[in-house]
Amino acid sequence: MNHRIRRDLVALHRLLSLEDVGDPACLETELFGALHPANPQVETICVLTDMLSNLLTQIDSSLASRAYSEGEGNSAAA
């Protein structure tokens, strides 16, 4: 996983979780404002957002674990 992919996944999560909705300067405000909360697609978006959130948490945990392991290896070599 490189930095660009991680950044793009975070941007997708921000989009799906409606973090920028409400900002009149953002296109997302207009686009997501057109969705009705009772629309079945909204539930699908919510499920996908939760899944992506869980995936990002797992990625962060894995990256932190790898960084810690690599740090231990550097300490042992010193």
PDB file of N, CA and C in Angstrom:
ATOM      1  N   MET A   1       0.866  -1.173   0.000  1.00  0.00           N
ATOM      2  CA  MET A   1       0.000   0.000   0.000  1.00  0.00           C
ATOM      3  C   MET A   1       0.906   1.227   0.000  1.00  0.00           C
ATOM      4  N   ASN A   2       0.684   2.079  -0.973  1.00  0.00           N
ATOM      5  CA  ASN A   2       1.475   3.304  -0.978  1.00  0.00           C
ATOM      6  C   ASN A   2       0.637   4.483  -0.491  1.00  0.00           C
ATOM      7  N   HIS A   3       1.303   5.613  -0.325  1.00  0.00           N
ATOM      8  CA  HIS A   3       0.655   6.799   0.243  1.00  0.00           C
ATOM      9  C   HIS A   3      -0.515   7.275  -0.633  1.00  0.00           C
ATOM     10  N   ARG A   4      -0.357   7.204  -1.953  1.00  0.00           N
ATOM     11  CA  ARG A   4      -1.407   7.679  -2.852  1.00  0.00           C
ATOM     12  C   ARG A   4      -2.687   6.851  -2.713  1.00  0.00           C
ATOM     13  N   ILE A   5      -2.538   5.535  -2.635  1.00  0.00           N
ATOM     14  CA  ILE A   5      -3.710   4.670  -2.492  1.00  0.00           C
ATOM     15  C   ILE A   5      -4.394   4.940  -1.162  1.00  0.00           C
ATOM     16  N   ARG A   6      -3.624   5.065  -0.096  1.00  0.00           N
ATOM     17  CA  ARG A   6      -4.193   5.351   1.229  1.00  0.00           C
ATOM     18  C   ARG A   6      -4.935   6.683   1.208  1.00  0.00           C
ATOM     19  N   ARG A   7      -4.322   7.702   0.585  1.00  0.00           N
ATOM     20  CA  ARG A   7      -4.951   9.022   0.496  1.00  0.00           C
ATOM     21  C   ARG A   7      -6.262   8.951  -0.286  1.00  0.00           C
ATOM     22  N   ASP A   8      -6.266   8.191  -1.388  1.00  0.00           N
ATOM     23  CA  ASP A   8      -7.476   8.056  -2.197  1.00  0.00           C
ATOM     24  C   ASP A   8      -8.585   7.321  -1.439  1.00  0.00           C
ATOM     25  N   LEU A   9      -8.218   6.306  -0.661  1.00  0.00           N
ATOM     26  CA  LEU A   9      -9.213   5.590   0.144  1.00  0.00           C
ATOM     27  C   LEU A   9      -9.814   6.507   1.209  1.00  0.00           C
ATOM     28  N   VAL A  10      -8.977   7.333   1.818  1.00  0.00           N
ATOM     29  CA  VAL A  10      -9.481   8.285   2.815  1.00  0.00           C
ATOM     30  C   VAL A  10     -10.407   9.298   2.144  1.00  0.00           C
ATOM     31  N   ALA A  11     -10.051   9.765   0.961  1.00  0.00           N
ATOM     32  CA  ALA A  11     -10.906  10.711   0.233  1.00  0.00           C
ATOM     33  C   ALA A  11     -12.249  10.070  -0.113  1.00  0.00           C
ATOM     34  N   LEU A  12     -12.225   8.805  -0.520  1.00  0.00           N
ATOM     35  CA  LEU A  12     -13.469   8.091  -0.805  1.00  0.00           C
ATOM     36  C   LEU A  12     -14.313   7.961   0.460  1.00  0.00           C
ATOM     37  N   HIS A  13     -13.676   7.671   1.576  1.00  0.00           N
ATOM     38  CA  HIS A  13     -14.414   7.564   2.841  1.00  0.00           C
ATOM     39  C   HIS A  13     -15.036   8.911   3.214  1.00  0.00           C
ATOM     40  N   ARG A  14     -14.289   9.994   3.039  1.00  0.00           N
ATOM     41  CA  ARG A  14     -14.836  11.333   3.325  1.00  0.00           C
ATOM     42  C   ARG A  14     -16.064  11.594   2.451  1.00  0.00           C
ATOM     43  N   LEU A  15     -15.989  11.190   1.190  1.00  0.00           N
ATOM     44  CA  LEU A  15     -17.109  11.385   0.269  1.00  0.00           C
ATOM     45  C   LEU A  15     -18.321  10.574   0.709  1.00  0.00           C
ATOM     46  N   LEU A  16     -18.117   9.286   0.974  1.00  0.00           N
ATOM     47  CA  LEU A  16     -19.229   8.410   1.346  1.00  0.00           C
ATOM     48  C   LEU A  16     -19.831   8.769   2.698  1.00  0.00           C
ATOM     49  N   SER A  17     -19.008   9.289   3.608  1.00  0.00           N
ATOM     50  CA  SER A  17     -19.518   9.632   4.940  1.00  0.00           C
ATOM     51  C   SER A  17     -20.062  11.057   4.998  1.00  0.00           C
ATOM     52  N   LEU A  18     -20.105  11.701   3.836  1.00  0.00           N
ATOM     53  CA  LEU A  18     -20.717  13.032   3.698  1.00  0.00           C
ATOM     54  C   LEU A  18     -20.022  14.096   4.538  1.00  0.00           C
ATOM     55  N   GLU A  19     -18.713  13.969   4.721  1.00  0.00           N
ATOM     56  CA  GLU A  19     -17.988  14.922   5.560  1.00  0.00           C
ATOM     57  C   GLU A  19     -18.013  16.339   5.012  1.00  0.00           C
ATOM     58  N   ASP A  20     -18.100  16.496   3.696  1.00  0.00           N
ATOM     59  CA  ASP A  20     -18.084  17.840   3.116  1.00  0.00           C
ATOM     60  C   ASP A  20     -19.473  18.355   2.760  1.00  0.00           C
ATOM     61  N   VAL A  21     -20.490  17.542   2.998  1.00  0.00           N
ATOM     62  CA  VAL A  21     -21.854  17.985   2.704  1.00  0.00           C
ATOM     63  C   VAL A  21     -22.232  19.084   3.696  1.00  0.00           C
ATOM     64  N   GLY A  22     -22.822  20.104   3.178  1.00  0.00           N
ATOM     65  CA  GLY A  22     -23.182  21.259   3.997  1.00  0.00           C
ATOM     66  C   GLY A  22     -22.319  22.458   3.659  1.00  0.00           C
ATOM     67  N   ASP A  23     -21.172  22.220   3.042  1.00  0.00           N
ATOM     68  CA  ASP A  23     -20.300  23.291   2.597  1.00  0.00           C
ATOM     69  C   ASP A  23     -20.799  23.742   1.226  1.00  0.00           C
ATOM     70  N   PRO A  24     -21.325  24.958   1.133  1.00  0.00           N
ATOM     71  CA  PRO A  24     -21.905  25.388  -0.145  1.00  0.00           C
ATOM     72  C   PRO A  24     -20.900  25.436  -1.294  1.00  0.00           C
ATOM     73  N   ALA A  25     -19.621  25.449  -0.990  1.00  0.00           N
ATOM     74  CA  ALA A  25     -18.601  25.491  -2.037  1.00  0.00           C
ATOM     75  C   ALA A  25     -18.304  24.107  -2.609  1.00  0.00           C
ATOM     76  N   CYS A  26     -18.818  23.057  -1.977  1.00  0.00           N
ATOM     77  CA  CYS A  26     -18.527  21.687  -2.414  1.00  0.00           C
ATOM     78  C   CYS A  26     -19.646  21.137  -3.291  1.00  0.00           C
ATOM     79  N   LEU A  27     -19.250  20.509  -4.367  1.00  0.00           N
ATOM     80  CA  LEU A  27     -20.204  19.868  -5.269  1.00  0.00           C
ATOM     81  C   LEU A  27     -20.987  18.772  -4.552  1.00  0.00           C
ATOM     82  N   GLU A  28     -20.337  18.106  -3.571  1.00  0.00           N
ATOM     83  CA  GLU A  28     -20.986  17.021  -2.841  1.00  0.00           C
ATOM     84  C   GLU A  28     -22.272  17.475  -2.160  1.00  0.00           C
ATOM     85  N   THR A  29     -22.313  18.714  -1.717  1.00  0.00           N
ATOM     86  CA  THR A  29     -23.508  19.234  -1.052  1.00  0.00           C
ATOM     87  C   THR A  29     -24.712  19.157  -1.974  1.00  0.00           C
ATOM     88  N   GLU A  30     -24.536  19.584  -3.195  1.00  0.00           N
ATOM     89  CA  GLU A  30     -25.640  19.558  -4.157  1.00  0.00           C
ATOM     90  C   GLU A  30     -25.983  18.125  -4.571  1.00  0.00           C
ATOM     91  N   LEU A  31     -24.973  17.318  -4.839  1.00  0.00           N
ATOM     92  CA  LEU A  31     -25.213  15.958  -5.320  1.00  0.00           C
ATOM     93  C   LEU A  31     -25.893  15.085  -4.270  1.00  0.00           C
ATOM     94  N   PHE A  32     -25.376  15.104  -3.054  1.00  0.00           N
ATOM     95  CA  PHE A  32     -25.957  14.254  -2.016  1.00  0.00           C
ATOM     96  C   PHE A  32     -27.256  14.830  -1.474  1.00  0.00           C
ATOM     97  N   GLY A  33     -27.465  16.123  -1.656  1.00  0.00           N
ATOM     98  CA  GLY A  33     -28.723  16.732  -1.241  1.00  0.00           C
ATOM     99  C   GLY A  33     -29.894  16.208  -2.060  1.00  0.00           C
ATOM    100  N   ALA A  34     -29.611  15.680  -3.237  1.00  0.00           N
ATOM    101  CA  ALA A  34     -30.660  15.157  -4.111  1.00  0.00           C
ATOM    102  C   ALA A  34     -31.104  13.755  -3.698  1.00  0.00           C
ATOM    103  N   LEU A  35     -30.342  13.088  -2.831  1.00  0.00           N
ATOM    104  CA  LEU A  35     -30.722  11.734  -2.384  1.00  0.00           C
ATOM    105  C   LEU A  35     -31.747  11.819  -1.258  1.00  0.00           C
ATOM    106  N   HIS A  36     -32.755  11.013  -1.351  1.00  0.00           N
ATOM    107  CA  HIS A  36     -33.751  10.935  -0.278  1.00  0.00           C
ATOM    108  C   HIS A  36     -33.276   9.889   0.728  1.00  0.00           C
ATOM    109  N   PRO A  37     -33.331  10.195   2.033  1.00  0.00           N
ATOM    110  CA  PRO A  37     -32.848   9.255   3.049  1.00  0.00           C
ATOM    111  C   PRO A  37     -33.512   7.877   3.002  1.00  0.00           C
ATOM    112  N   ALA A  38     -34.735   7.796   2.484  1.00  0.00           N
ATOM    113  CA  ALA A  38     -35.429   6.510   2.421  1.00  0.00           C
ATOM    114  C   ALA A  38     -35.045   5.694   1.182  1.00  0.00           C
ATOM    115  N   ASN A  39     -34.254   6.266   0.310  1.00  0.00           N
ATOM    116  CA  ASN A  39     -33.824   5.583  -0.901  1.00  0.00           C
ATOM    117  C   ASN A  39     -32.962   4.373  -0.519  1.00  0.00           C
ATOM    118  N   PRO A  40     -33.229   3.204  -1.084  1.00  0.00           N
ATOM    119  CA  PRO A  40     -32.436   2.007  -0.760  1.00  0.00           C
ATOM    120  C   PRO A  40     -30.942   2.189  -1.047  1.00  0.00           C
ATOM    121  N   GLN A  41     -30.613   3.059  -1.990  1.00  0.00           N
ATOM    122  CA  GLN A  41     -29.202   3.307  -2.289  1.00  0.00           C
ATOM    123  C   GLN A  41     -28.483   3.952  -1.108  1.00  0.00           C
ATOM    124  N   VAL A  42     -29.211   4.694  -0.301  1.00  0.00           N
ATOM    125  CA  VAL A  42     -28.607   5.338   0.873  1.00  0.00           C
ATOM    126  C   VAL A  42     -28.138   4.274   1.862  1.00  0.00           C
ATOM    127  N   GLU A  43     -28.945   3.254   2.066  1.00  0.00           N
ATOM    128  CA  GLU A  43     -28.536   2.171   2.967  1.00  0.00           C
ATOM    129  C   GLU A  43     -27.296   1.464   2.423  1.00  0.00           C
ATOM    130  N   THR A  44     -27.245   1.254   1.122  1.00  0.00           N
ATOM    131  CA  THR A  44     -26.071   0.628   0.508  1.00  0.00           C
ATOM    132  C   THR A  44     -24.834   1.503   0.726  1.00  0.00           C
ATOM    133  N   ILE A  45     -24.979   2.800   0.545  1.00  0.00           N
ATOM    134  CA  ILE A  45     -23.862   3.723   0.770  1.00  0.00           C
ATOM    135  C   ILE A  45     -23.394   3.643   2.219  1.00  0.00           C
ATOM    136  N   CYS A  46     -24.332   3.565   3.148  1.00  0.00           N
ATOM    137  CA  CYS A  46     -23.973   3.477   4.572  1.00  0.00           C
ATOM    138  C   CYS A  46     -23.205   2.192   4.876  1.00  0.00           C
ATOM    139  N   VAL A  47     -23.656   1.085   4.313  1.00  0.00           N
ATOM    140  CA  VAL A  47     -22.979  -0.206   4.535  1.00  0.00           C
ATOM    141  C   VAL A  47     -21.572  -0.157   3.945  1.00  0.00           C
ATOM    142  N   LEU A  48     -21.451   0.361   2.733  1.00  0.00           N
ATOM    143  CA  LEU A  48     -20.136   0.463   2.099  1.00  0.00           C
ATOM    144  C   LEU A  48     -19.207   1.398   2.877  1.00  0.00           C
ATOM    145  N   THR A  49     -19.761   2.469   3.408  1.00  0.00           N
ATOM    146  CA  THR A  49     -18.958   3.401   4.207  1.00  0.00           C
ATOM    147  C   THR A  49     -18.437   2.727   5.464  1.00  0.00           C
ATOM    148  N   ASP A  50     -19.290   1.966   6.131  1.00  0.00           N
ATOM    149  CA  ASP A  50     -18.860   1.228   7.324  1.00  0.00           C
ATOM    150  C   ASP A  50     -17.777   0.212   6.982  1.00  0.00           C
ATOM    151  N   MET A  51     -17.943  -0.479   5.862  1.00  0.00           N
ATOM    152  CA  MET A  51     -16.949  -1.466   5.445  1.00  0.00           C
ATOM    153  C   MET A  51     -15.607  -0.796   5.138  1.00  0.00           C
ATOM    154  N   LEU A  52     -15.653   0.335   4.471  1.00  0.00           N
ATOM    155  CA  LEU A  52     -14.429   1.064   4.154  1.00  0.00           C
ATOM    156  C   LEU A  52     -13.768   1.588   5.429  1.00  0.00           C
ATOM    157  N   SER A  53     -14.565   2.040   6.357  1.00  0.00           N
ATOM    158  CA  SER A  53     -14.021   2.508   7.640  1.00  0.00           C
ATOM    159  C   SER A  53     -13.284   1.381   8.353  1.00  0.00           C
ATOM    160  N   ASN A  54     -13.889   0.207   8.373  1.00  0.00           N
ATOM    161  CA  ASN A  54     -13.243  -0.960   9.002  1.00  0.00           C
ATOM    162  C   ASN A  54     -11.956  -1.327   8.277  1.00  0.00           C
ATOM    163  N   LEU A  55     -11.986  -1.258   6.951  1.00  0.00           N
ATOM    164  CA  LEU A  55     -10.794  -1.567   6.166  1.00  0.00           C
ATOM    165  C   LEU A  55      -9.677  -0.571   6.463  1.00  0.00           C
ATOM    166  N   LEU A  56      -9.998   0.708   6.529  1.00  0.00           N
ATOM    167  CA  LEU A  56      -8.987   1.717   6.837  1.00  0.00           C
ATOM    168  C   LEU A  56      -8.397   1.509   8.233  1.00  0.00           C
ATOM    169  N   THR A  57      -9.220   1.104   9.172  1.00  0.00           N
ATOM    170  CA  THR A  57      -8.720   0.812  10.520  1.00  0.00           C
ATOM    171  C   THR A  57      -7.751  -0.359  10.485  1.00  0.00           C
ATOM    172  N   GLN A  58      -8.095  -1.399   9.733  1.00  0.00           N
ATOM    173  CA  GLN A  58      -7.211  -2.564   9.606  1.00  0.00           C
ATOM    174  C   GLN A  58      -5.900  -2.187   8.915  1.00  0.00           C
ATOM    175  N   ILE A  59      -5.986  -1.356   7.898  1.00  0.00           N
ATOM    176  CA  ILE A  59      -4.780  -0.913   7.188  1.00  0.00           C
ATOM    177  C   ILE A  59      -3.880  -0.129   8.133  1.00  0.00           C
ATOM    178  N   ASP A  60      -4.464   0.808   8.875  1.00  0.00           N
ATOM    179  CA  ASP A  60      -3.676   1.604   9.815  1.00  0.00           C
ATOM    180  C   ASP A  60      -3.008   0.723  10.865  1.00  0.00           C
ATOM    181  N   SER A  61      -3.753  -0.245  11.362  1.00  0.00           N
ATOM    182  CA  SER A  61      -3.206  -1.158  12.363  1.00  0.00           C
ATOM    183  C   SER A  61      -2.060  -1.970  11.777  1.00  0.00           C
ATOM    184  N   SER A  62      -2.235  -2.450  10.565  1.00  0.00           N
ATOM    185  CA  SER A  62      -1.201  -3.235   9.905  1.00  0.00           C
ATOM    186  C   SER A  62       0.044  -2.398   9.638  1.00  0.00           C
ATOM    187  N   LEU A  63      -0.146  -1.180   9.173  1.00  0.00           N
ATOM    188  CA  LEU A  63       0.993  -0.304   8.901  1.00  0.00           C
ATOM    189  C   LEU A  63       1.733   0.055  10.191  1.00  0.00           C
ATOM    190  N   ALA A  64       0.987   0.297  11.265  1.00  0.00           N
ATOM    191  CA  ALA A  64       1.608   0.620  12.548  1.00  0.00           C
ATOM    192  C   ALA A  64       2.388  -0.577  13.071  1.00  0.00           C
ATOM    193  N   SER A  65       1.816  -1.744  12.925  1.00  0.00           N
ATOM    194  CA  SER A  65       2.484  -2.963  13.378  1.00  0.00           C
ATOM    195  C   SER A  65       3.767  -3.196  12.582  1.00  0.00           C
ATOM    196  N   ARG A  66       3.686  -2.986  11.276  1.00  0.00           N
ATOM    197  CA  ARG A  66       4.866  -3.171  10.427  1.00  0.00           C
ATOM    198  C   ARG A  66       5.947  -2.155  10.777  1.00  0.00           C
ATOM    199  N   ALA A  67       5.551  -0.902  11.001  1.00  0.00           N
ATOM    200  CA  ALA A  67       6.522   0.132  11.361  1.00  0.00           C
ATOM    201  C   ALA A  67       7.181  -0.194  12.688  1.00  0.00           C
ATOM    202  N   TYR A  68       6.395  -0.707  13.646  1.00  0.00           N
ATOM    203  CA  TYR A  68       6.941  -1.075  14.941  1.00  0.00           C
ATOM    204  C   TYR A  68       7.935  -2.221  14.792  1.00  0.00           C
ATOM    205  N   SER A  69       7.565  -3.226  14.001  1.00  0.00           N
ATOM    206  CA  SER A  69       8.449  -4.366  13.777  1.00  0.00           C
ATOM    207  C   SER A  69       9.742  -3.951  13.098  1.00  0.00           C
ATOM    208  N   GLU A  70       9.631  -3.083  12.114  1.00  0.00           N
ATOM    209  CA  GLU A  70      10.830  -2.607  11.430  1.00  0.00           C
ATOM    210  C   GLU A  70      11.693  -1.779  12.359  1.00  0.00           C
ATOM    211  N   GLY A  71      11.069  -1.031  13.261  1.00  0.00           N
ATOM    212  CA  GLY A  71      11.820  -0.249  14.250  1.00  0.00           C
ATOM    213  C   GLY A  71      12.573  -1.137  15.203  1.00  0.00           C
ATOM    214  N   GLU A  72      11.954  -2.255  15.589  1.00  0.00           N
ATOM    215  CA  GLU A  72      12.633  -3.212  16.486  1.00  0.00           C
ATOM    216  C   GLU A  72      13.827  -3.820  15.775  1.00  0.00           C
ATOM    217  N   GLY A  73      13.670  -4.117  14.490  1.00  0.00           N
ATOM    218  CA  GLY A  73      14.780  -4.689  13.723  1.00  0.00           C
ATOM    219  C   GLY A  73      15.939  -3.727  13.633  1.00  0.00           C
ATOM    220  N   ASN A  74      15.638  -2.432  13.477  1.00  0.00           N
ATOM    221  CA  ASN A  74      16.698  -1.423  13.413  1.00  0.00           C
ATOM    222  C   ASN A  74      17.384  -1.285  14.756  1.00  0.00           C
ATOM    223  N   SER A  75      16.648  -1.418  15.858  1.00  0.00           N
ATOM    224  CA  SER A  75      17.220  -1.303  17.188  1.00  0.00           C
ATOM    225  C   SER A  75      18.141  -2.479  17.462  1.00  0.00           C
ATOM    226  N   ALA A  76      17.735  -3.661  17.013  1.00  0.00           N
ATOM    227  CA  ALA A  76      18.534  -4.859  17.252  1.00  0.00           C
ATOM    228  C   ALA A  76      19.827  -4.821  16.459  1.00  0.00           C
ATOM    229  N   ALA A  77      19.795  -4.185  15.271  1.00  0.00           N
ATOM    230  CA  ALA A  77      20.986  -4.120  14.430  1.00  0.00           C
ATOM    231  C   ALA A  77      21.981  -3.097  14.942  1.00  0.00           C
ATOM    232  N   ALA A  78      21.516  -2.155  15.731  1.00  0.00           N
ATOM    233  CA  ALA A  78      22.389  -1.066  16.202  1.00  0.00           C
ATOM    234  C   ALA A  78      23.302  -1.492  17.300  1.00  0.00           C
TER     235      ALA A  78
END
